[in-house]
Amino acid sequence: MKRLMWVMDDETFDQLFKVMKVHLELAKEHGHKDTSRERRQAIMLEIEGLRQQRVRIITNYINSKGEI
Protein backbone atom coordinates (compact mmCIF):
# COMPACT_ATOMS: atom_id res chain seq x y z
CA MET A 1 0.00 0.00 0.00
CA LYS A 2 2.76 2.48 0.89
CA ARG A 3 4.52 1.82 -2.40
CA LEU A 4 1.27 2.21 -4.31
CA MET A 5 0.69 5.64 -2.81
CA TRP A 6 4.17 6.76 -3.90
CA VAL A 7 3.61 5.82 -7.54
CA MET A 8 0.04 7.13 -7.85
CA ASP A 9 -0.67 10.17 -9.93
CA ASP A 10 -1.66 13.30 -8.01
CA GLU A 11 -5.36 13.13 -8.87
CA THR A 12 -5.75 9.55 -7.68
CA PHE A 13 -3.70 10.20 -4.55
CA ASP A 14 -5.84 13.27 -3.76
CA GLN A 15 -9.01 11.18 -4.05
CA LEU A 16 -7.56 8.52 -1.76
CA PHE A 17 -6.30 11.12 0.71
CA LYS A 18 -9.75 12.75 0.94
CA VAL A 19 -11.34 9.38 1.69
CA MET A 20 -8.75 8.66 4.38
CA LYS A 21 -9.22 12.11 5.92
CA VAL A 22 -13.01 11.74 6.19
CA HIS A 23 -12.55 8.22 7.58
CA LEU A 24 -10.26 9.57 10.29
CA GLU A 25 -12.68 12.38 11.20
CA LEU A 26 -15.55 9.90 11.49
CA ALA A 27 -13.47 7.53 13.61
CA LYS A 28 -12.64 10.39 15.99
CA GLU A 29 -16.33 11.35 16.21
CA HIS A 30 -17.27 7.72 16.86
CA GLY A 31 -14.86 7.58 19.78
CA HIS A 32 -16.14 10.79 21.37
CA LYS A 33 -17.98 10.14 24.64
CA ASP A 34 -20.92 12.40 23.66
CA THR A 35 -21.66 10.65 20.36
CA SER A 36 -25.05 8.97 20.53
CA ARG A 37 -25.56 5.29 19.83
CA GLU A 38 -27.60 6.10 16.73
CA ARG A 39 -24.88 8.39 15.38
CA ARG A 40 -22.24 5.73 16.07
CA GLN A 41 -24.24 3.26 14.00
CA ALA A 42 -24.57 5.81 11.19
CA ILE A 43 -20.83 6.50 11.34
CA MET A 44 -20.08 2.80 10.94
CA LEU A 45 -22.19 2.73 7.78
CA GLU A 46 -20.41 5.81 6.44
CA ILE A 47 -17.03 4.27 7.20
CA GLU A 48 -17.98 1.07 5.39
CA GLY A 49 -18.93 3.18 2.36
CA LEU A 50 -15.55 4.93 2.55
CA ARG A 51 -13.77 1.58 2.72
CA GLN A 52 -15.56 0.47 -0.43
CA GLN A 53 -14.69 3.75 -2.12
CA ARG A 54 -11.02 3.29 -1.13
CA VAL A 55 -10.99 -0.20 -2.65
CA ARG A 56 -12.56 1.14 -5.87
CA ILE A 57 -9.98 3.91 -6.16
CA ILE A 58 -7.08 1.50 -5.66
CA THR A 59 -8.56 -1.17 -7.92
CA ASN A 60 -9.26 1.34 -10.70
CA TYR A 61 -5.74 2.68 -10.45
CA ILE A 62 -4.15 -0.74 -10.57
CA ASN A 63 -6.34 -1.80 -13.50
CA SER A 64 -5.55 1.36 -15.45
CA LYS A 65 -1.80 1.23 -14.81
CA GLY A 66 -1.23 -2.49 -14.60
CA GLU A 67 1.21 -2.04 -11.73
CA ILE A 68 1.43 -2.05 -7.97
C-alpha atoms as a PDB file:
ATOM      1  CA  MET A   1       0.000   0.000   0.000  1.00  0.00           C
ATOM      2  CA  LYS A   2       2.760   2.475   0.888  1.00  0.00           C
ATOM      3  CA  ARG A   3       4.517   1.822  -2.402  1.00  0.00           C
ATOM      4  CA  LEU A   4       1.275   2.210  -4.308  1.00  0.00           C
ATOM      5  CA  MET A   5       0.687   5.642  -2.806  1.00  0.00           C
ATOM      6  CA  TRP A   6       4.170   6.756  -3.896  1.00  0.00           C
ATOM      7  CA  VAL A   7       3.607   5.819  -7.536  1.00  0.00           C
ATOM      8  CA  MET A   8       0.037   7.135  -7.846  1.00  0.00           C
ATOM      9  CA  ASP A   9      -0.673  10.173  -9.933  1.00  0.00           C
ATOM     10  CA  ASP A  10      -1.656  13.296  -8.007  1.00  0.00           C
ATOM     11  CA  GLU A  11      -5.356  13.133  -8.871  1.00  0.00           C
ATOM     12  CA  THR A  12      -5.753   9.549  -7.677  1.00  0.00           C
ATOM     13  CA  PHE A  13      -3.703  10.198  -4.550  1.00  0.00           C
ATOM     14  CA  ASP A  14      -5.845  13.269  -3.758  1.00  0.00           C
ATOM     15  CA  GLN A  15      -9.013  11.176  -4.051  1.00  0.00           C
ATOM     16  CA  LEU A  16      -7.560   8.520  -1.761  1.00  0.00           C
ATOM     17  CA  PHE A  17      -6.298  11.122   0.708  1.00  0.00           C
ATOM     18  CA  LYS A  18      -9.751  12.747   0.943  1.00  0.00           C
ATOM     19  CA  VAL A  19     -11.345   9.375   1.689  1.00  0.00           C
ATOM     20  CA  MET A  20      -8.753   8.661   4.378  1.00  0.00           C
ATOM     21  CA  LYS A  21      -9.223  12.112   5.925  1.00  0.00           C
ATOM     22  CA  VAL A  22     -13.012  11.736   6.191  1.00  0.00           C
ATOM     23  CA  HIS A  23     -12.549   8.217   7.579  1.00  0.00           C
ATOM     24  CA  LEU A  24     -10.256   9.565  10.294  1.00  0.00           C
ATOM     25  CA  GLU A  25     -12.684  12.378  11.201  1.00  0.00           C
ATOM     26  CA  LEU A  26     -15.547   9.896  11.491  1.00  0.00           C
ATOM     27  CA  ALA A  27     -13.465   7.534  13.610  1.00  0.00           C
ATOM     28  CA  LYS A  28     -12.642  10.387  15.987  1.00  0.00           C
ATOM     29  CA  GLU A  29     -16.327  11.349  16.209  1.00  0.00           C
ATOM     30  CA  HIS A  30     -17.266   7.715  16.855  1.00  0.00           C
ATOM     31  CA  GLY A  31     -14.865   7.583  19.783  1.00  0.00           C
ATOM     32  CA  HIS A  32     -16.136  10.788  21.373  1.00  0.00           C
ATOM     33  CA  LYS A  33     -17.984  10.144  24.640  1.00  0.00           C
ATOM     34  CA  ASP A  34     -20.920  12.399  23.664  1.00  0.00           C
ATOM     35  CA  THR A  35     -21.657  10.648  20.365  1.00  0.00           C
ATOM     36  CA  SER A  36     -25.054   8.973  20.528  1.00  0.00           C
ATOM     37  CA  ARG A  37     -25.557   5.294  19.829  1.00  0.00           C
ATOM     38  CA  GLU A  38     -27.596   6.100  16.725  1.00  0.00           C
ATOM     39  CA  ARG A  39     -24.877   8.387  15.380  1.00  0.00           C
ATOM     40  CA  ARG A  40     -22.235   5.732  16.066  1.00  0.00           C
ATOM     41  CA  GLN A  41     -24.241   3.264  13.996  1.00  0.00           C
ATOM     42  CA  ALA A  42     -24.572   5.812  11.186  1.00  0.00           C
ATOM     43  CA  ILE A  43     -20.835   6.500  11.340  1.00  0.00           C
ATOM     44  CA  MET A  44     -20.082   2.804  10.937  1.00  0.00           C
ATOM     45  CA  LEU A  45     -22.194   2.728   7.776  1.00  0.00           C
ATOM     46  CA  GLU A  46     -20.412   5.805   6.444  1.00  0.00           C
ATOM     47  CA  ILE A  47     -17.025   4.268   7.200  1.00  0.00           C
ATOM     48  CA  GLU A  48     -17.985   1.073   5.389  1.00  0.00           C
ATOM     49  CA  GLY A  49     -18.926   3.176   2.359  1.00  0.00           C
ATOM     50  CA  LEU A  50     -15.550   4.933   2.546  1.00  0.00           C
ATOM     51  CA  ARG A  51     -13.767   1.576   2.717  1.00  0.00           C
ATOM     52  CA  GLN A  52     -15.557   0.466  -0.429  1.00  0.00           C
ATOM     53  CA  GLN A  53     -14.687   3.754  -2.120  1.00  0.00           C
ATOM     54  CA  ARG A  54     -11.023   3.288  -1.133  1.00  0.00           C
ATOM     55  CA  VAL A  55     -10.989  -0.195  -2.645  1.00  0.00           C
ATOM     56  CA  ARG A  56     -12.564   1.136  -5.869  1.00  0.00           C
ATOM     57  CA  ILE A  57      -9.976   3.908  -6.163  1.00  0.00           C
ATOM     58  CA  ILE A  58      -7.081   1.497  -5.656  1.00  0.00           C
ATOM     59  CA  THR A  59      -8.556  -1.173  -7.922  1.00  0.00           C
ATOM     60  CA  ASN A  60      -9.257   1.336 -10.704  1.00  0.00           C
ATOM     61  CA  TYR A  61      -5.740   2.681 -10.445  1.00  0.00           C
ATOM     62  CA  ILE A  62      -4.151  -0.744 -10.572  1.00  0.00           C
ATOM     63  CA  ASN A  63      -6.343  -1.802 -13.499  1.00  0.00           C
ATOM     64  CA  SER A  64      -5.554   1.365 -15.448  1.00  0.00           C
ATOM     65  CA  LYS A  65      -1.805   1.228 -14.806  1.00  0.00           C
ATOM     66  CA  GLY A  66      -1.228  -2.487 -14.603  1.00  0.00           C
ATOM     67  CA  GLU A  67       1.208  -2.041 -11.725  1.00  0.00           C
ATOM     68  CA  ILE A  68       1.425  -2.045  -7.966  1.00  0.00           C
END
